[in-house]
Amino acid sequence: MSSELAEGESARPVEGLSTDELLAAMARLGQVRLFLFMGGWVASINMNTNTTGASFEVSSEHHLPTPRDALKQCYERALGAVAQLQPGELKP
């Protein structure tokens, strides 16, 4: 993933994204998981990296009330992580 994608992603407010758009945007960052765990929703992304065999995971809190809440929180955290990386550290 390039820094240009990260900038483009963060330019559009998360609130303005539909759930489908949110999932598609998250899928560009890596492998997305959304699941119900003990009565609350959790989302996570296994983020892509340029290093073979290396990745990192970003996740929402556990027990969020709706799937969208979990996706939104995870995506915002992922964008924050991407913003802190040097250009070229992630791949599409």
N, C-alpha and C. Protein backbone atom coordinates (compact mmCIF):
# COMPACT_ATOMS: atom_id res chain seq x y z
N MET A 1 0.85 -1.17 0.00
CA MET A 1 0.00 0.00 0.00
C MET A 1 0.89 1.22 0.00
N SER A 2 0.57 2.21 -0.77
CA SER A 2 1.39 3.41 -0.83
C SER A 2 0.86 4.46 0.13
N SER A 3 1.72 5.45 0.40
CA SER A 3 1.27 6.54 1.26
C SER A 3 0.17 7.34 0.57
N GLU A 4 0.15 7.34 -0.79
CA GLU A 4 -0.90 8.05 -1.50
C GLU A 4 -2.27 7.43 -1.21
N LEU A 5 -2.35 6.10 -1.15
CA LEU A 5 -3.61 5.45 -0.82
C LEU A 5 -4.02 5.81 0.59
N ALA A 6 -3.06 5.79 1.50
CA ALA A 6 -3.37 6.13 2.88
C ALA A 6 -3.91 7.55 2.97
N GLU A 7 -3.29 8.47 2.24
CA GLU A 7 -3.77 9.85 2.27
C GLU A 7 -5.15 9.95 1.65
N GLY A 8 -5.38 9.25 0.54
CA GLY A 8 -6.68 9.26 -0.12
C GLY A 8 -7.76 8.66 0.76
N GLU A 9 -7.41 7.59 1.46
CA GLU A 9 -8.37 6.95 2.35
C GLU A 9 -8.76 7.88 3.49
N SER A 10 -7.78 8.55 4.07
CA SER A 10 -8.07 9.39 5.22
C SER A 10 -8.75 10.70 4.82
N ALA A 11 -8.71 11.04 3.51
CA ALA A 11 -9.33 12.28 3.08
C ALA A 11 -10.85 12.22 3.18
N ARG A 12 -11.43 11.04 3.03
CA ARG A 12 -12.88 10.90 3.11
C ARG A 12 -13.26 10.49 4.53
N PRO A 13 -14.13 11.24 5.16
CA PRO A 13 -14.50 10.91 6.54
C PRO A 13 -15.12 9.52 6.63
N VAL A 14 -14.73 8.78 7.65
CA VAL A 14 -15.24 7.43 7.86
C VAL A 14 -16.75 7.46 7.99
N GLU A 15 -17.29 8.49 8.60
CA GLU A 15 -18.74 8.60 8.77
C GLU A 15 -19.47 8.64 7.44
N GLY A 16 -18.79 9.12 6.38
CA GLY A 16 -19.41 9.23 5.07
C GLY A 16 -19.39 7.94 4.27
N LEU A 17 -18.74 6.90 4.79
CA LEU A 17 -18.64 5.63 4.09
C LEU A 17 -19.79 4.70 4.47
N SER A 18 -20.36 4.03 3.48
CA SER A 18 -21.35 3.00 3.78
C SER A 18 -20.60 1.81 4.37
N THR A 19 -21.31 0.85 4.92
CA THR A 19 -20.66 -0.33 5.47
C THR A 19 -19.92 -1.09 4.38
N ASP A 20 -20.50 -1.20 3.19
CA ASP A 20 -19.83 -1.86 2.06
C ASP A 20 -18.55 -1.13 1.68
N GLU A 21 -18.61 0.20 1.60
CA GLU A 21 -17.42 0.99 1.26
C GLU A 21 -16.35 0.86 2.34
N LEU A 22 -16.78 0.82 3.58
CA LEU A 22 -15.85 0.66 4.70
C LEU A 22 -15.13 -0.69 4.60
N LEU A 23 -15.88 -1.76 4.35
CA LEU A 23 -15.27 -3.08 4.19
C LEU A 23 -14.31 -3.12 3.00
N ALA A 24 -14.68 -2.51 1.87
CA ALA A 24 -13.82 -2.49 0.69
C ALA A 24 -12.53 -1.71 0.97
N ALA A 25 -12.65 -0.59 1.65
CA ALA A 25 -11.47 0.21 2.00
C ALA A 25 -10.55 -0.57 2.93
N MET A 26 -11.13 -1.27 3.88
CA MET A 26 -10.33 -2.06 4.81
C MET A 26 -9.64 -3.21 4.09
N ALA A 27 -10.31 -3.83 3.12
CA ALA A 27 -9.74 -4.95 2.39
C ALA A 27 -8.51 -4.52 1.59
N ARG A 28 -8.42 -3.26 1.20
CA ARG A 28 -7.23 -2.77 0.50
C ARG A 28 -6.02 -2.72 1.42
N LEU A 29 -6.26 -2.70 2.73
CA LEU A 29 -5.16 -2.65 3.69
C LEU A 29 -4.67 -4.03 4.11
N GLY A 30 -5.52 -5.04 3.94
CA GLY A 30 -5.13 -6.39 4.34
C GLY A 30 -6.33 -7.30 4.48
N GLN A 31 -6.14 -8.39 5.22
CA GLN A 31 -7.20 -9.38 5.43
C GLN A 31 -8.10 -8.92 6.57
N VAL A 32 -9.38 -8.73 6.28
CA VAL A 32 -10.35 -8.21 7.26
C VAL A 32 -11.11 -9.37 7.90
N ARG A 33 -11.32 -9.25 9.20
CA ARG A 33 -12.16 -10.22 9.91
C ARG A 33 -13.17 -9.42 10.74
N LEU A 34 -14.40 -9.89 10.72
CA LEU A 34 -15.48 -9.31 11.51
C LEU A 34 -16.23 -10.46 12.15
N PHE A 35 -16.35 -10.44 13.47
CA PHE A 35 -17.01 -11.55 14.13
C PHE A 35 -17.71 -11.11 15.40
N LEU A 36 -18.66 -11.93 15.78
CA LEU A 36 -19.42 -11.74 17.01
C LEU A 36 -18.76 -12.61 18.07
N PHE A 37 -18.37 -11.99 19.19
CA PHE A 37 -17.65 -12.71 20.23
C PHE A 37 -18.27 -12.39 21.58
N MET A 38 -18.86 -13.40 22.18
CA MET A 38 -19.46 -13.26 23.51
C MET A 38 -20.43 -12.07 23.58
N GLY A 39 -21.26 -11.92 22.55
CA GLY A 39 -22.29 -10.91 22.55
C GLY A 39 -21.89 -9.54 22.05
N GLY A 40 -20.66 -9.37 21.60
CA GLY A 40 -20.22 -8.07 21.07
C GLY A 40 -19.42 -8.26 19.79
N TRP A 41 -19.36 -7.23 18.97
CA TRP A 41 -18.69 -7.29 17.68
C TRP A 41 -17.24 -6.88 17.78
N VAL A 42 -16.41 -7.53 16.97
CA VAL A 42 -14.97 -7.26 16.89
C VAL A 42 -14.57 -7.26 15.42
N ALA A 43 -13.72 -6.33 15.03
CA ALA A 43 -13.16 -6.30 13.68
C ALA A 43 -11.64 -6.25 13.80
N SER A 44 -10.97 -6.86 12.84
CA SER A 44 -9.51 -6.78 12.81
C SER A 44 -9.03 -6.84 11.37
N ILE A 45 -7.83 -6.33 11.15
CA ILE A 45 -7.18 -6.38 9.84
C ILE A 45 -5.77 -6.91 10.06
N ASN A 46 -5.43 -7.97 9.34
CA ASN A 46 -4.05 -8.44 9.29
C ASN A 46 -3.40 -7.63 8.17
N MET A 47 -2.65 -6.61 8.55
CA MET A 47 -2.14 -5.61 7.60
C MET A 47 -1.05 -6.18 6.71
N ASN A 48 -1.07 -5.79 5.43
CA ASN A 48 -0.05 -6.17 4.47
C ASN A 48 1.24 -5.40 4.74
N THR A 49 2.38 -6.04 4.52
CA THR A 49 3.68 -5.36 4.60
C THR A 49 4.52 -5.76 3.40
N ASN A 50 5.63 -5.05 3.18
CA ASN A 50 6.54 -5.37 2.08
C ASN A 50 7.52 -6.48 2.46
N THR A 51 7.61 -6.85 3.70
CA THR A 51 8.56 -7.85 4.16
C THR A 51 7.91 -9.23 4.12
N THR A 52 8.54 -10.16 3.43
CA THR A 52 8.02 -11.52 3.33
C THR A 52 7.92 -12.13 4.72
N GLY A 53 6.75 -12.68 5.02
CA GLY A 53 6.53 -13.33 6.29
C GLY A 53 6.24 -12.40 7.45
N ALA A 54 6.14 -11.11 7.19
CA ALA A 54 5.87 -10.15 8.25
C ALA A 54 4.51 -9.50 8.05
N SER A 55 3.82 -9.25 9.13
CA SER A 55 2.54 -8.54 9.10
C SER A 55 2.29 -7.98 10.48
N PHE A 56 1.28 -7.15 10.59
CA PHE A 56 0.84 -6.72 11.91
C PHE A 56 -0.67 -6.62 11.90
N GLU A 57 -1.24 -6.72 13.07
CA GLU A 57 -2.69 -6.75 13.18
C GLU A 57 -3.18 -5.51 13.91
N VAL A 58 -4.29 -4.98 13.40
CA VAL A 58 -4.98 -3.86 14.03
C VAL A 58 -6.38 -4.35 14.33
N SER A 59 -6.89 -4.08 15.52
CA SER A 59 -8.23 -4.54 15.84
C SER A 59 -9.01 -3.50 16.63
N SER A 60 -10.31 -3.70 16.64
CA SER A 60 -11.19 -2.86 17.44
C SER A 60 -11.22 -3.40 18.86
N GLU A 61 -11.89 -2.69 19.72
CA GLU A 61 -12.16 -3.21 21.05
C GLU A 61 -13.13 -4.39 20.90
N HIS A 62 -13.23 -5.21 21.92
CA HIS A 62 -14.20 -6.30 21.92
C HIS A 62 -15.53 -5.78 22.44
N HIS A 63 -16.58 -6.49 22.13
CA HIS A 63 -17.91 -6.22 22.68
C HIS A 63 -18.53 -4.91 22.21
N LEU A 64 -18.26 -4.50 20.96
CA LEU A 64 -18.93 -3.30 20.43
C LEU A 64 -20.35 -3.67 20.02
N PRO A 65 -21.28 -2.70 20.11
CA PRO A 65 -22.70 -3.02 19.94
C PRO A 65 -23.13 -3.41 18.52
N THR A 66 -22.44 -2.89 17.48
CA THR A 66 -22.85 -3.20 16.11
C THR A 66 -21.63 -3.56 15.27
N PRO A 67 -21.84 -4.30 14.17
CA PRO A 67 -20.72 -4.60 13.27
C PRO A 67 -20.08 -3.32 12.73
N ARG A 68 -20.90 -2.33 12.40
CA ARG A 68 -20.37 -1.07 11.86
C ARG A 68 -19.47 -0.37 12.87
N ASP A 69 -19.85 -0.38 14.15
CA ASP A 69 -19.01 0.24 15.17
C ASP A 69 -17.64 -0.42 15.22
N ALA A 70 -17.62 -1.74 15.13
CA ALA A 70 -16.35 -2.47 15.16
C ALA A 70 -15.51 -2.15 13.92
N LEU A 71 -16.14 -2.15 12.75
CA LEU A 71 -15.42 -1.84 11.51
C LEU A 71 -14.87 -0.43 11.54
N LYS A 72 -15.69 0.51 11.95
CA LYS A 72 -15.28 1.92 11.99
C LYS A 72 -14.08 2.12 12.90
N GLN A 73 -14.14 1.56 14.10
CA GLN A 73 -13.04 1.74 15.05
C GLN A 73 -11.76 1.09 14.53
N CYS A 74 -11.87 -0.10 13.98
CA CYS A 74 -10.70 -0.78 13.44
C CYS A 74 -10.09 0.00 12.28
N TYR A 75 -10.92 0.48 11.37
CA TYR A 75 -10.44 1.23 10.22
C TYR A 75 -9.75 2.52 10.65
N GLU A 76 -10.32 3.23 11.58
CA GLU A 76 -9.70 4.46 12.07
C GLU A 76 -8.34 4.16 12.70
N ARG A 77 -8.25 3.07 13.45
CA ARG A 77 -6.97 2.68 14.05
C ARG A 77 -5.96 2.28 12.98
N ALA A 78 -6.43 1.58 11.94
CA ALA A 78 -5.54 1.17 10.85
C ALA A 78 -4.99 2.39 10.12
N LEU A 79 -5.85 3.36 9.85
CA LEU A 79 -5.38 4.59 9.18
C LEU A 79 -4.36 5.31 10.04
N GLY A 80 -4.58 5.32 11.35
CA GLY A 80 -3.61 5.93 12.26
C GLY A 80 -2.27 5.21 12.21
N ALA A 81 -2.30 3.89 12.14
CA ALA A 81 -1.06 3.10 12.06
C ALA A 81 -0.34 3.37 10.74
N VAL A 82 -1.10 3.42 9.65
CA VAL A 82 -0.51 3.68 8.34
C VAL A 82 0.11 5.07 8.30
N ALA A 83 -0.52 6.04 8.89
CA ALA A 83 -0.01 7.41 8.89
C ALA A 83 1.34 7.52 9.61
N GLN A 84 1.60 6.61 10.53
CA GLN A 84 2.86 6.65 11.28
C GLN A 84 4.00 5.89 10.60
N LEU A 85 3.70 5.12 9.54
CA LEU A 85 4.72 4.35 8.84
C LEU A 85 5.43 5.20 7.80
N GLN A 86 6.64 4.80 7.49
CA GLN A 86 7.40 5.45 6.43
C GLN A 86 6.82 5.02 5.08
N PRO A 87 6.90 5.87 4.04
CA PRO A 87 6.41 5.47 2.71
C PRO A 87 7.10 4.18 2.25
N GLY A 88 6.30 3.32 1.63
CA GLY A 88 6.83 2.07 1.11
C GLY A 88 6.83 0.92 2.09
N GLU A 89 6.39 1.12 3.31
CA GLU A 89 6.39 0.04 4.29
C GLU A 89 5.20 -0.90 4.13
N LEU A 90 4.15 -0.47 3.44
CA LEU A 90 3.01 -1.33 3.17
C LEU A 90 2.85 -1.52 1.68
N LYS A 91 2.24 -2.62 1.29
CA LYS A 91 1.97 -2.86 -0.13
C LYS A 91 0.47 -3.02 -0.34
N PRO A 92 -0.02 -2.78 -1.57
CA PRO A 92 -1.46 -2.92 -1.82
C PRO A 92 -1.92 -4.36 -1.74
